[in-house]
Amino acid sequence: VLGGSFGFLLIAAIIPAVLFWRINLEEFFGLRWDQWKQALWIVPCFVLGMMVLLVVMNQLGWHSWVKSNYGAKPQVMVKLLKETPNMALVAAIVFSAVIVAPIAEEIIFRGYIYPVVKRFTERWFAGLFSGLLFGVIHFNLMGLPQLALMGIVLVVLYELTGSLWVTIGCHAAFNGTTVGLVLLDRIYEFPGTP
């Protein structure tokens, strides 16, 4: 898990390294965003919105429909997180999900793919494309609508703030909340969980 995480981070690090010769990395990451205190309400609102969306998707029957038509199983990492007795593996999965994935995915999707597609198309198409691609690459049919919408909302936040750190923070907080719920489910069996 850690090897894969560091490999993923290495791939994501190539983008700023290559772009370093053409753009200012402070600008690339949005380090000059002077309204950074707004992240204190943006991040929790984002996580709450994504959790509400998850409940809505469940109430609309999306999860049941996917299970009955495609027999969806939990992702391998989620299954490991819920079942493994190896606490070192749990720590590696948490590190990968809460630190590595948000940084790497935001650099790749909001920092590179979105601006490149936006350069050749309309902004709305670039946002929609990168958001849908973000949802698809997770290979999770159950979570596809939520992940795609999450990718689109992260594009909007990136456009509004000009800062990858805001999207990284939102992404990390969402993943942290999700991982925290899975870990809580290890201790207390929640109604409706497999």
N, C-alpha and C. Protein backbone atom coordinates (compact mmCIF):
# COMPACT_ATOMS: atom_id res chain seq x y z
N VAL A 1 0.84 -1.20 0.00
CA VAL A 1 0.00 0.00 0.00
C VAL A 1 0.87 1.25 0.00
N LEU A 2 1.87 1.27 0.89
CA LEU A 2 2.74 2.45 0.94
C LEU A 2 3.56 2.61 -0.32
N GLY A 3 4.03 1.49 -0.88
CA GLY A 3 4.79 1.55 -2.13
C GLY A 3 3.95 2.13 -3.26
N GLY A 4 2.71 1.68 -3.36
CA GLY A 4 1.79 2.22 -4.36
C GLY A 4 1.49 3.68 -4.12
N SER A 5 1.36 4.06 -2.86
CA SER A 5 1.08 5.46 -2.52
C SER A 5 2.24 6.36 -2.94
N PHE A 6 3.45 5.94 -2.61
CA PHE A 6 4.60 6.76 -2.97
C PHE A 6 4.82 6.79 -4.48
N GLY A 7 4.50 5.69 -5.16
CA GLY A 7 4.56 5.68 -6.62
C GLY A 7 3.58 6.67 -7.21
N PHE A 8 2.37 6.71 -6.64
CA PHE A 8 1.33 7.63 -7.09
C PHE A 8 1.76 9.08 -6.86
N LEU A 9 2.35 9.34 -5.70
CA LEU A 9 2.85 10.68 -5.39
C LEU A 9 3.98 11.07 -6.33
N LEU A 10 4.84 10.12 -6.67
CA LEU A 10 5.94 10.40 -7.60
C LEU A 10 5.40 10.80 -8.96
N ILE A 11 4.39 10.07 -9.42
CA ILE A 11 3.78 10.41 -10.71
C ILE A 11 3.19 11.81 -10.64
N ALA A 12 2.48 12.11 -9.55
CA ALA A 12 1.87 13.44 -9.39
C ALA A 12 2.94 14.52 -9.27
N ALA A 13 4.09 14.20 -8.70
CA ALA A 13 5.17 15.19 -8.53
C ALA A 13 5.80 15.56 -9.87
N ILE A 14 5.70 14.69 -10.83
CA ILE A 14 6.27 14.96 -12.15
C ILE A 14 5.61 16.18 -12.78
N ILE A 15 4.30 16.33 -12.56
CA ILE A 15 3.57 17.44 -13.19
C ILE A 15 4.13 18.79 -12.74
N PRO A 16 4.18 19.10 -11.42
CA PRO A 16 4.77 20.39 -11.05
C PRO A 16 6.23 20.52 -11.44
N ALA A 17 6.97 19.40 -11.41
CA ALA A 17 8.38 19.46 -11.79
C ALA A 17 8.53 19.87 -13.25
N VAL A 18 7.71 19.30 -14.11
CA VAL A 18 7.77 19.65 -15.54
C VAL A 18 7.26 21.07 -15.75
N LEU A 19 6.19 21.42 -15.05
CA LEU A 19 5.62 22.75 -15.22
C LEU A 19 6.49 23.84 -14.62
N PHE A 20 7.39 23.47 -13.69
CA PHE A 20 8.26 24.44 -13.03
C PHE A 20 9.00 25.31 -14.04
N TRP A 21 9.34 24.75 -15.16
CA TRP A 21 10.09 25.50 -16.16
C TRP A 21 9.22 26.50 -16.90
N ARG A 22 7.89 26.28 -16.85
CA ARG A 22 7.00 27.16 -17.62
C ARG A 22 6.14 28.06 -16.76
N ILE A 23 5.82 27.65 -15.54
CA ILE A 23 4.96 28.48 -14.69
C ILE A 23 5.53 28.58 -13.28
N ASN A 24 5.03 29.53 -12.55
CA ASN A 24 5.42 29.74 -11.16
C ASN A 24 4.65 28.74 -10.30
N LEU A 25 5.37 27.93 -9.52
CA LEU A 25 4.70 26.91 -8.70
C LEU A 25 3.85 27.52 -7.59
N GLU A 26 4.21 28.71 -7.12
CA GLU A 26 3.35 29.40 -6.14
C GLU A 26 1.99 29.66 -6.76
N GLU A 27 2.01 30.06 -8.01
CA GLU A 27 0.77 30.31 -8.74
C GLU A 27 0.04 29.01 -9.02
N PHE A 28 0.77 27.96 -9.41
CA PHE A 28 0.19 26.66 -9.72
C PHE A 28 -0.59 26.12 -8.53
N PHE A 29 0.00 26.18 -7.34
CA PHE A 29 -0.67 25.66 -6.15
C PHE A 29 -1.61 26.66 -5.50
N GLY A 30 -1.60 27.90 -5.95
CA GLY A 30 -2.48 28.91 -5.38
C GLY A 30 -2.04 29.34 -3.99
N LEU A 31 -0.74 29.42 -3.78
CA LEU A 31 -0.23 29.77 -2.46
C LEU A 31 -0.44 31.25 -2.12
N ARG A 32 -0.74 32.04 -3.11
CA ARG A 32 -0.94 33.47 -2.87
C ARG A 32 -2.41 33.83 -2.64
N TRP A 33 -3.25 32.84 -2.46
CA TRP A 33 -4.67 33.11 -2.23
C TRP A 33 -4.81 33.83 -0.89
N ASP A 34 -5.17 35.09 -0.95
CA ASP A 34 -5.18 35.91 0.25
C ASP A 34 -6.41 35.71 1.14
N GLN A 35 -7.37 34.98 0.67
CA GLN A 35 -8.58 34.73 1.47
C GLN A 35 -8.59 33.31 2.01
N TRP A 36 -7.42 32.79 2.36
CA TRP A 36 -7.28 31.40 2.78
C TRP A 36 -8.13 31.06 4.00
N LYS A 37 -8.50 32.05 4.82
CA LYS A 37 -9.32 31.78 5.99
C LYS A 37 -10.71 31.26 5.60
N GLN A 38 -11.12 31.54 4.38
CA GLN A 38 -12.42 31.03 3.91
C GLN A 38 -12.44 29.50 3.87
N ALA A 39 -11.27 28.89 3.78
CA ALA A 39 -11.19 27.43 3.77
C ALA A 39 -11.75 26.85 5.06
N LEU A 40 -11.75 27.63 6.13
CA LEU A 40 -12.26 27.16 7.42
C LEU A 40 -13.76 26.86 7.36
N TRP A 41 -14.49 27.49 6.43
CA TRP A 41 -15.90 27.13 6.26
C TRP A 41 -16.13 26.36 4.96
N ILE A 42 -15.27 26.56 3.96
CA ILE A 42 -15.43 25.84 2.69
C ILE A 42 -15.27 24.34 2.89
N VAL A 43 -14.23 23.93 3.60
CA VAL A 43 -13.93 22.50 3.78
C VAL A 43 -15.06 21.77 4.50
N PRO A 44 -15.53 22.25 5.68
CA PRO A 44 -16.63 21.52 6.33
C PRO A 44 -17.92 21.52 5.52
N CYS A 45 -18.20 22.63 4.83
CA CYS A 45 -19.42 22.67 3.99
C CYS A 45 -19.32 21.66 2.85
N PHE A 46 -18.13 21.54 2.27
CA PHE A 46 -17.92 20.56 1.20
C PHE A 46 -18.17 19.15 1.71
N VAL A 47 -17.56 18.80 2.84
CA VAL A 47 -17.72 17.45 3.39
C VAL A 47 -19.17 17.18 3.72
N LEU A 48 -19.84 18.14 4.36
CA LEU A 48 -21.26 17.97 4.69
C LEU A 48 -22.09 17.78 3.43
N GLY A 49 -21.82 18.57 2.40
CA GLY A 49 -22.54 18.43 1.14
C GLY A 49 -22.35 17.06 0.51
N MET A 50 -21.13 16.56 0.53
CA MET A 50 -20.87 15.24 -0.05
C MET A 50 -21.54 14.12 0.77
N MET A 51 -21.59 14.29 2.08
CA MET A 51 -22.26 13.29 2.92
C MET A 51 -23.77 13.31 2.70
N VAL A 52 -24.33 14.51 2.54
CA VAL A 52 -25.76 14.63 2.24
C VAL A 52 -26.05 13.98 0.89
N LEU A 53 -25.19 14.21 -0.09
CA LEU A 53 -25.36 13.59 -1.40
C LEU A 53 -25.33 12.07 -1.30
N LEU A 54 -24.46 11.53 -0.47
CA LEU A 54 -24.39 10.09 -0.27
C LEU A 54 -25.71 9.54 0.29
N VAL A 55 -26.26 10.25 1.26
CA VAL A 55 -27.55 9.83 1.84
C VAL A 55 -28.66 9.92 0.79
N VAL A 56 -28.67 10.99 0.02
CA VAL A 56 -29.68 11.16 -1.03
C VAL A 56 -29.58 10.05 -2.07
N MET A 57 -28.36 9.74 -2.50
CA MET A 57 -28.18 8.67 -3.49
C MET A 57 -28.68 7.33 -2.93
N ASN A 58 -28.43 7.10 -1.67
CA ASN A 58 -28.90 5.87 -1.02
C ASN A 58 -30.43 5.86 -0.95
N GLN A 59 -31.03 6.98 -0.57
CA GLN A 59 -32.49 7.07 -0.47
C GLN A 59 -33.17 6.93 -1.83
N LEU A 60 -32.51 7.42 -2.86
CA LEU A 60 -33.07 7.30 -4.22
C LEU A 60 -32.95 5.87 -4.76
N GLY A 61 -32.21 5.04 -4.06
CA GLY A 61 -32.11 3.64 -4.46
C GLY A 61 -30.94 3.31 -5.36
N TRP A 62 -30.02 4.25 -5.54
CA TRP A 62 -28.88 4.01 -6.42
C TRP A 62 -28.07 2.80 -5.95
N HIS A 63 -27.76 2.76 -4.66
CA HIS A 63 -26.92 1.68 -4.13
C HIS A 63 -27.62 0.32 -4.28
N SER A 64 -28.91 0.29 -4.00
CA SER A 64 -29.67 -0.96 -4.14
C SER A 64 -29.72 -1.40 -5.60
N TRP A 65 -29.92 -0.45 -6.50
CA TRP A 65 -30.00 -0.76 -7.93
C TRP A 65 -28.66 -1.34 -8.42
N VAL A 66 -27.56 -0.72 -8.01
CA VAL A 66 -26.24 -1.21 -8.43
C VAL A 66 -26.01 -2.61 -7.87
N LYS A 67 -26.33 -2.82 -6.60
CA LYS A 67 -26.14 -4.13 -5.98
C LYS A 67 -26.97 -5.20 -6.68
N SER A 68 -28.23 -4.88 -6.97
CA SER A 68 -29.10 -5.90 -7.57
C SER A 68 -28.76 -6.17 -9.03
N ASN A 69 -28.27 -5.19 -9.76
CA ASN A 69 -27.96 -5.38 -11.18
C ASN A 69 -26.52 -5.78 -11.46
N TYR A 70 -25.61 -5.35 -10.59
CA TYR A 70 -24.20 -5.59 -10.87
C TYR A 70 -23.48 -6.31 -9.74
N GLY A 71 -24.20 -6.58 -8.65
CA GLY A 71 -23.59 -7.29 -7.52
C GLY A 71 -22.35 -6.60 -6.99
N ALA A 72 -22.43 -5.30 -6.87
CA ALA A 72 -21.26 -4.51 -6.45
C ALA A 72 -20.75 -4.96 -5.09
N LYS A 73 -19.45 -5.08 -5.02
CA LYS A 73 -18.78 -5.42 -3.78
C LYS A 73 -18.02 -4.19 -3.31
N PRO A 74 -17.69 -4.14 -2.02
CA PRO A 74 -16.89 -3.00 -1.57
C PRO A 74 -15.51 -3.01 -2.22
N GLN A 75 -14.93 -1.83 -2.36
CA GLN A 75 -13.58 -1.74 -2.91
C GLN A 75 -12.62 -2.53 -2.03
N VAL A 76 -11.55 -3.02 -2.62
CA VAL A 76 -10.58 -3.85 -1.90
C VAL A 76 -10.03 -3.12 -0.67
N MET A 77 -9.67 -1.84 -0.83
CA MET A 77 -9.11 -1.10 0.30
C MET A 77 -10.13 -0.91 1.41
N VAL A 78 -11.39 -0.69 1.05
CA VAL A 78 -12.44 -0.54 2.06
C VAL A 78 -12.62 -1.86 2.81
N LYS A 79 -12.63 -2.95 2.06
CA LYS A 79 -12.76 -4.28 2.67
C LYS A 79 -11.59 -4.55 3.62
N LEU A 80 -10.37 -4.24 3.18
CA LEU A 80 -9.20 -4.41 4.03
C LEU A 80 -9.30 -3.54 5.28
N LEU A 81 -9.70 -2.29 5.09
CA LEU A 81 -9.80 -1.36 6.20
C LEU A 81 -10.80 -1.85 7.25
N LYS A 82 -11.87 -2.49 6.78
CA LYS A 82 -12.89 -2.98 7.70
C LYS A 82 -12.50 -4.29 8.38
N GLU A 83 -11.70 -5.11 7.70
CA GLU A 83 -11.53 -6.48 8.19
C GLU A 83 -10.13 -6.85 8.67
N THR A 84 -9.10 -6.18 8.21
CA THR A 84 -7.75 -6.64 8.56
C THR A 84 -7.44 -6.41 10.04
N PRO A 85 -6.81 -7.39 10.67
CA PRO A 85 -6.36 -7.20 12.04
C PRO A 85 -5.00 -6.49 12.11
N ASN A 86 -4.35 -6.31 10.96
CA ASN A 86 -3.01 -5.72 10.88
C ASN A 86 -3.12 -4.19 10.97
N MET A 87 -2.78 -3.64 12.13
CA MET A 87 -2.91 -2.20 12.35
C MET A 87 -1.91 -1.39 11.52
N ALA A 88 -0.78 -1.97 11.16
CA ALA A 88 0.17 -1.28 10.29
C ALA A 88 -0.45 -1.09 8.90
N LEU A 89 -1.17 -2.11 8.43
CA LEU A 89 -1.86 -1.99 7.14
C LEU A 89 -2.96 -0.96 7.21
N VAL A 90 -3.69 -0.94 8.32
CA VAL A 90 -4.74 0.08 8.50
C VAL A 90 -4.12 1.47 8.46
N ALA A 91 -3.01 1.68 9.15
CA ALA A 91 -2.33 2.98 9.16
C ALA A 91 -1.87 3.36 7.75
N ALA A 92 -1.35 2.39 6.99
CA ALA A 92 -0.89 2.66 5.62
C ALA A 92 -2.06 3.06 4.73
N ILE A 93 -3.19 2.37 4.88
CA ILE A 93 -4.37 2.70 4.07
C ILE A 93 -4.88 4.09 4.42
N VAL A 94 -4.93 4.40 5.72
CA VAL A 94 -5.39 5.73 6.15
C VAL A 94 -4.46 6.81 5.60
N PHE A 95 -3.15 6.61 5.70
CA PHE A 95 -2.18 7.57 5.16
C PHE A 95 -2.38 7.76 3.66
N SER A 96 -2.55 6.66 2.96
CA SER A 96 -2.73 6.72 1.52
C SER A 96 -4.02 7.46 1.14
N ALA A 97 -5.11 7.16 1.85
CA ALA A 97 -6.41 7.75 1.52
C ALA A 97 -6.52 9.21 1.92
N VAL A 98 -5.94 9.57 3.06
CA VAL A 98 -6.15 10.92 3.60
C VAL A 98 -5.06 11.90 3.20
N ILE A 99 -3.87 11.43 2.93
CA ILE A 99 -2.76 12.33 2.58
C ILE A 99 -2.35 12.19 1.11
N VAL A 100 -1.97 10.98 0.71
CA VAL A 100 -1.41 10.78 -0.62
C VAL A 100 -2.43 11.01 -1.72
N ALA A 101 -3.57 10.33 -1.65
CA ALA A 101 -4.56 10.43 -2.73
C ALA A 101 -5.05 11.86 -2.96
N PRO A 102 -5.41 12.62 -1.91
CA PRO A 102 -5.85 13.99 -2.17
C PRO A 102 -4.79 14.86 -2.85
N ILE A 103 -3.55 14.75 -2.40
CA ILE A 103 -2.49 15.57 -3.00
C ILE A 103 -2.27 15.15 -4.46
N ALA A 104 -2.08 13.87 -4.67
CA ALA A 104 -1.79 13.39 -6.03
C ALA A 104 -2.96 13.62 -6.98
N GLU A 105 -4.16 13.28 -6.55
CA GLU A 105 -5.33 13.43 -7.44
C GLU A 105 -5.64 14.88 -7.75
N GLU A 106 -5.47 15.77 -6.78
CA GLU A 106 -5.74 17.19 -7.05
C GLU A 106 -4.70 17.78 -7.99
N ILE A 107 -3.44 17.39 -7.84
CA ILE A 107 -2.42 17.87 -8.77
C ILE A 107 -2.73 17.37 -10.18
N ILE A 108 -3.11 16.11 -10.29
CA ILE A 108 -3.37 15.53 -11.61
C ILE A 108 -4.66 16.08 -12.21
N PHE A 109 -5.76 16.04 -11.47
CA PHE A 109 -7.07 16.39 -12.05
C PHE A 109 -7.34 17.88 -12.10
N ARG A 110 -7.19 18.60 -10.97
CA ARG A 110 -7.47 20.03 -10.96
C ARG A 110 -6.26 20.84 -11.39
N GLY A 111 -5.06 20.35 -11.13
CA GLY A 111 -3.86 21.11 -11.47
C GLY A 111 -3.39 20.92 -12.89
N TYR A 112 -3.70 19.76 -13.49
CA TYR A 112 -3.19 19.51 -14.83
C TYR A 112 -4.30 19.23 -15.85
N ILE A 113 -5.09 18.19 -15.64
CA ILE A 113 -6.09 17.79 -16.65
C ILE A 113 -7.10 18.90 -16.91
N TYR A 114 -7.66 19.46 -15.84
CA TYR A 114 -8.66 20.52 -16.03
C TYR A 114 -8.10 21.72 -16.81
N PRO A 115 -6.94 22.30 -16.41
CA PRO A 115 -6.43 23.44 -17.18
C PRO A 115 -6.08 23.11 -18.63
N VAL A 116 -5.57 21.90 -18.87
CA VAL A 116 -5.22 21.52 -20.25
C VAL A 116 -6.48 21.42 -21.10
N VAL A 117 -7.50 20.74 -20.59
CA VAL A 117 -8.75 20.61 -21.36
C VAL A 117 -9.40 21.98 -21.53
N LYS A 118 -9.34 22.83 -20.49
CA LYS A 118 -9.93 24.17 -20.56
C LYS A 118 -9.26 25.02 -21.63
N ARG A 119 -7.99 24.76 -21.86
CA ARG A 119 -7.26 25.51 -22.87
C ARG A 119 -7.80 25.28 -24.28
N PHE A 120 -8.37 24.09 -24.52
CA PHE A 120 -8.82 23.73 -25.85
C PHE A 120 -10.33 23.68 -25.99
N THR A 121 -11.07 23.83 -24.88
CA THR A 121 -12.53 23.77 -24.91
C THR A 121 -13.09 24.86 -24.02
N GLU A 122 -14.38 24.82 -23.84
CA GLU A 122 -15.04 25.75 -22.92
C GLU A 122 -14.79 25.31 -21.47
N ARG A 123 -14.84 26.26 -20.56
CA ARG A 123 -14.60 25.97 -19.14
C ARG A 123 -15.60 24.93 -18.61
N TRP A 124 -16.87 25.05 -18.97
CA TRP A 124 -17.88 24.11 -18.46
C TRP A 124 -17.59 22.68 -18.92
N PHE A 125 -17.14 22.54 -20.18
CA PHE A 125 -16.84 21.20 -20.69
C PHE A 125 -15.62 20.63 -19.97
N ALA A 126 -14.60 21.45 -19.77
CA ALA A 126 -13.40 20.99 -19.09
C ALA A 126 -13.73 20.54 -17.66
N GLY A 127 -14.58 21.28 -16.97
CA GLY A 127 -14.99 20.92 -15.62
C GLY A 127 -15.78 19.62 -15.59
N LEU A 128 -16.71 19.50 -16.53
CA LEU A 128 -17.53 18.30 -16.62
C LEU A 128 -16.66 17.08 -16.98
N PHE A 129 -15.79 17.25 -17.95
CA PHE A 129 -14.92 16.16 -18.39
C PHE A 129 -14.00 15.70 -17.26
N SER A 130 -13.31 16.64 -16.62
CA SER A 130 -12.37 16.24 -15.57
C SER A 130 -13.11 15.66 -14.36
N GLY A 131 -14.31 16.17 -14.06
CA GLY A 131 -15.10 15.62 -12.96
C GLY A 131 -15.56 14.20 -13.24
N LEU A 132 -16.05 13.96 -14.46
CA LEU A 132 -16.49 12.61 -14.82
C LEU A 132 -15.31 11.65 -14.87
N LEU A 133 -14.19 12.10 -15.40
CA LEU A 133 -13.00 11.26 -15.44
C LEU A 133 -12.54 10.92 -14.02
N PHE A 134 -12.61 11.90 -13.13
CA PHE A 134 -12.27 11.68 -11.72
C PHE A 134 -13.16 10.58 -11.13
N GLY A 135 -14.45 10.63 -11.43
CA GLY A 135 -15.36 9.59 -10.93
C GLY A 135 -15.05 8.23 -11.51
N VAL A 136 -14.79 8.17 -12.81
CA VAL A 136 -14.56 6.91 -13.50
C VAL A 136 -13.27 6.23 -13.05
N ILE A 137 -12.20 7.00 -12.83
CA ILE A 137 -10.91 6.36 -12.49
C ILE A 137 -10.90 5.68 -11.12
N HIS A 138 -11.92 5.93 -10.33
CA HIS A 138 -12.00 5.26 -9.03
C HIS A 138 -12.56 3.84 -9.16
N PHE A 139 -13.03 3.48 -10.35
CA PHE A 139 -13.54 2.12 -10.61
C PHE A 139 -14.50 1.67 -9.51
N ASN A 140 -15.46 2.54 -9.21
CA ASN A 140 -16.42 2.27 -8.16
C ASN A 140 -17.80 2.67 -8.66
N LEU A 141 -18.51 1.72 -9.24
CA LEU A 141 -19.83 2.01 -9.81
C LEU A 141 -20.78 2.53 -8.74
N MET A 142 -20.69 1.98 -7.55
CA MET A 142 -21.57 2.42 -6.46
C MET A 142 -21.38 3.90 -6.17
N GLY A 143 -20.13 4.37 -6.17
CA GLY A 143 -19.85 5.75 -5.84
C GLY A 143 -19.68 6.67 -7.03
N LEU A 144 -19.90 6.16 -8.24
CA LEU A 144 -19.64 6.95 -9.45
C LEU A 144 -20.36 8.31 -9.47
N PRO A 145 -21.68 8.38 -9.24
CA PRO A 145 -22.32 9.70 -9.30
C PRO A 145 -21.76 10.68 -8.27
N GLN A 146 -21.53 10.18 -7.05
CA GLN A 146 -21.01 11.06 -6.00
C GLN A 146 -19.59 11.51 -6.33
N LEU A 147 -18.75 10.59 -6.79
CA LEU A 147 -17.36 10.94 -7.10
C LEU A 147 -17.27 11.90 -8.29
N ALA A 148 -18.11 11.68 -9.31
CA ALA A 148 -18.11 12.59 -10.46
C ALA A 148 -18.56 13.99 -10.04
N LEU A 149 -19.63 14.06 -9.25
CA LEU A 149 -20.10 15.36 -8.77
C LEU A 149 -19.05 16.00 -7.86
N MET A 150 -18.39 15.18 -7.06
CA MET A 150 -17.32 15.70 -6.20
C MET A 150 -16.21 16.32 -7.06
N GLY A 151 -15.84 15.64 -8.15
CA GLY A 151 -14.82 16.17 -9.05
C GLY A 151 -15.24 17.49 -9.67
N ILE A 152 -16.51 17.60 -10.03
CA ILE A 152 -17.02 18.84 -10.63
C ILE A 152 -17.02 19.97 -9.60
N VAL A 153 -17.48 19.68 -8.38
CA VAL A 153 -17.49 20.69 -7.32
C VAL A 153 -16.07 21.14 -6.99
N LEU A 154 -15.12 20.22 -6.99
CA LEU A 154 -13.73 20.59 -6.74
C LEU A 154 -13.19 21.50 -7.84
N VAL A 155 -13.63 21.29 -9.08
CA VAL A 155 -13.24 22.19 -10.17
C VAL A 155 -13.79 23.60 -9.91
N VAL A 156 -15.05 23.66 -9.49
CA VAL A 156 -15.67 24.96 -9.20
C VAL A 156 -14.90 25.66 -8.07
N LEU A 157 -14.58 24.92 -7.02
CA LEU A 157 -13.81 25.51 -5.92
C LEU A 157 -12.43 25.97 -6.38
N TYR A 158 -11.81 25.20 -7.26
CA TYR A 158 -10.51 25.59 -7.80
C TYR A 158 -10.64 26.88 -8.62
N GLU A 159 -11.68 26.97 -9.41
CA GLU A 159 -11.90 28.19 -10.20
C GLU A 159 -12.16 29.40 -9.30
N LEU A 160 -12.97 29.20 -8.26
CA LEU A 160 -13.33 30.31 -7.37
C LEU A 160 -12.15 30.79 -6.53
N THR A 161 -11.32 29.85 -6.08
CA THR A 161 -10.23 30.23 -5.18
C THR A 161 -8.88 30.35 -5.88
N GLY A 162 -8.71 29.64 -6.99
CA GLY A 162 -7.41 29.62 -7.66
C GLY A 162 -6.37 28.87 -6.86
N SER A 163 -6.80 28.07 -5.89
CA SER A 163 -5.87 27.38 -5.00
C SER A 163 -6.08 25.88 -5.00
N LEU A 164 -5.04 25.13 -5.32
CA LEU A 164 -5.11 23.68 -5.21
C LEU A 164 -5.16 23.25 -3.74
N TRP A 165 -4.63 24.08 -2.84
CA TRP A 165 -4.64 23.70 -1.43
C TRP A 165 -6.05 23.63 -0.87
N VAL A 166 -6.95 24.44 -1.39
CA VAL A 166 -8.35 24.37 -0.94
C VAL A 166 -8.96 23.04 -1.40
N THR A 167 -8.72 22.67 -2.65
CA THR A 167 -9.28 21.41 -3.14
C THR A 167 -8.61 20.22 -2.47
N ILE A 168 -7.31 20.31 -2.21
CA ILE A 168 -6.62 19.24 -1.49
C ILE A 168 -7.21 19.10 -0.09
N GLY A 169 -7.45 20.23 0.57
CA GLY A 169 -8.05 20.20 1.91
C GLY A 169 -9.43 19.59 1.92
N CYS A 170 -10.26 19.98 0.95
CA CYS A 170 -11.61 19.42 0.84
C CYS A 170 -11.55 17.92 0.58
N HIS A 171 -10.71 17.53 -0.34
CA HIS A 171 -10.56 16.13 -0.71
C HIS A 171 -10.06 15.31 0.48
N ALA A 172 -9.05 15.82 1.19
CA ALA A 172 -8.50 15.12 2.35
C ALA A 172 -9.54 15.01 3.46
N ALA A 173 -10.29 16.07 3.69
CA ALA A 173 -11.32 16.04 4.74
C ALA A 173 -12.43 15.05 4.39
N PHE A 174 -12.81 15.01 3.12
CA PHE A 174 -13.84 14.04 2.70
C PHE A 174 -13.33 12.62 2.87
N ASN A 175 -12.12 12.35 2.37
CA ASN A 175 -11.55 11.01 2.52
C ASN A 175 -11.38 10.65 4.00
N GLY A 176 -10.94 11.61 4.80
CA GLY A 176 -10.77 11.37 6.23
C GLY A 176 -12.09 11.03 6.91
N THR A 177 -13.14 11.74 6.53
CA THR A 177 -14.47 11.47 7.09
C THR A 177 -14.93 10.08 6.69
N THR A 178 -14.75 9.74 5.41
CA THR A 178 -15.15 8.42 4.91
C THR A 178 -14.38 7.31 5.62
N VAL A 179 -13.07 7.48 5.72
CA VAL A 179 -12.23 6.49 6.40
C VAL A 179 -12.64 6.39 7.87
N GLY A 180 -12.89 7.52 8.50
CA GLY A 180 -13.32 7.52 9.89
C GLY A 180 -14.61 6.75 10.10
N LEU A 181 -15.56 6.91 9.16
CA LEU A 181 -16.82 6.17 9.25
C LEU A 181 -16.60 4.67 9.08
N VAL A 182 -15.70 4.30 8.16
CA VAL A 182 -15.40 2.88 7.97
C VAL A 182 -14.76 2.31 9.24
N LEU A 183 -13.84 3.06 9.83
CA LEU A 183 -13.20 2.59 11.06
C LEU A 183 -14.20 2.51 12.22
N LEU A 184 -15.12 3.46 12.29
CA LEU A 184 -16.17 3.39 13.31
C LEU A 184 -17.04 2.16 13.10
N ASP A 185 -17.26 1.82 11.84
CA ASP A 185 -18.08 0.64 11.52
C ASP A 185 -17.39 -0.65 11.95
N ARG A 186 -16.06 -0.60 12.07
CA ARG A 186 -15.34 -1.77 12.60
C ARG A 186 -15.72 -2.01 14.05
N ILE A 187 -15.97 -0.93 14.77
CA ILE A 187 -16.28 -1.00 16.20
C ILE A 187 -17.78 -1.19 16.44
N TYR A 188 -18.56 -0.33 15.77
CA TYR A 188 -20.02 -0.35 15.94
C TYR A 188 -20.65 -0.67 14.61
N GLU A 189 -21.41 -1.73 14.55
CA GLU A 189 -22.08 -2.11 13.30
C GLU A 189 -23.23 -1.13 13.04
N PHE A 190 -23.11 -0.34 11.97
CA PHE A 190 -24.15 0.63 11.62
C PHE A 190 -25.28 -0.09 10.89
N PRO A 191 -26.52 0.36 11.10
CA PRO A 191 -27.64 -0.26 10.38
C PRO A 191 -27.46 -0.04 8.87
N GLY A 192 -27.77 -1.09 8.11
CA GLY A 192 -27.73 -0.99 6.66
C GLY A 192 -26.37 -1.24 6.05
N THR A 193 -25.36 -1.57 6.86
CA THR A 193 -24.05 -1.87 6.29
C THR A 193 -23.92 -3.37 6.11
N PRO A 194 -23.20 -3.80 5.08
CA PRO A 194 -23.07 -5.24 4.83
C PRO A 194 -22.23 -5.93 5.88
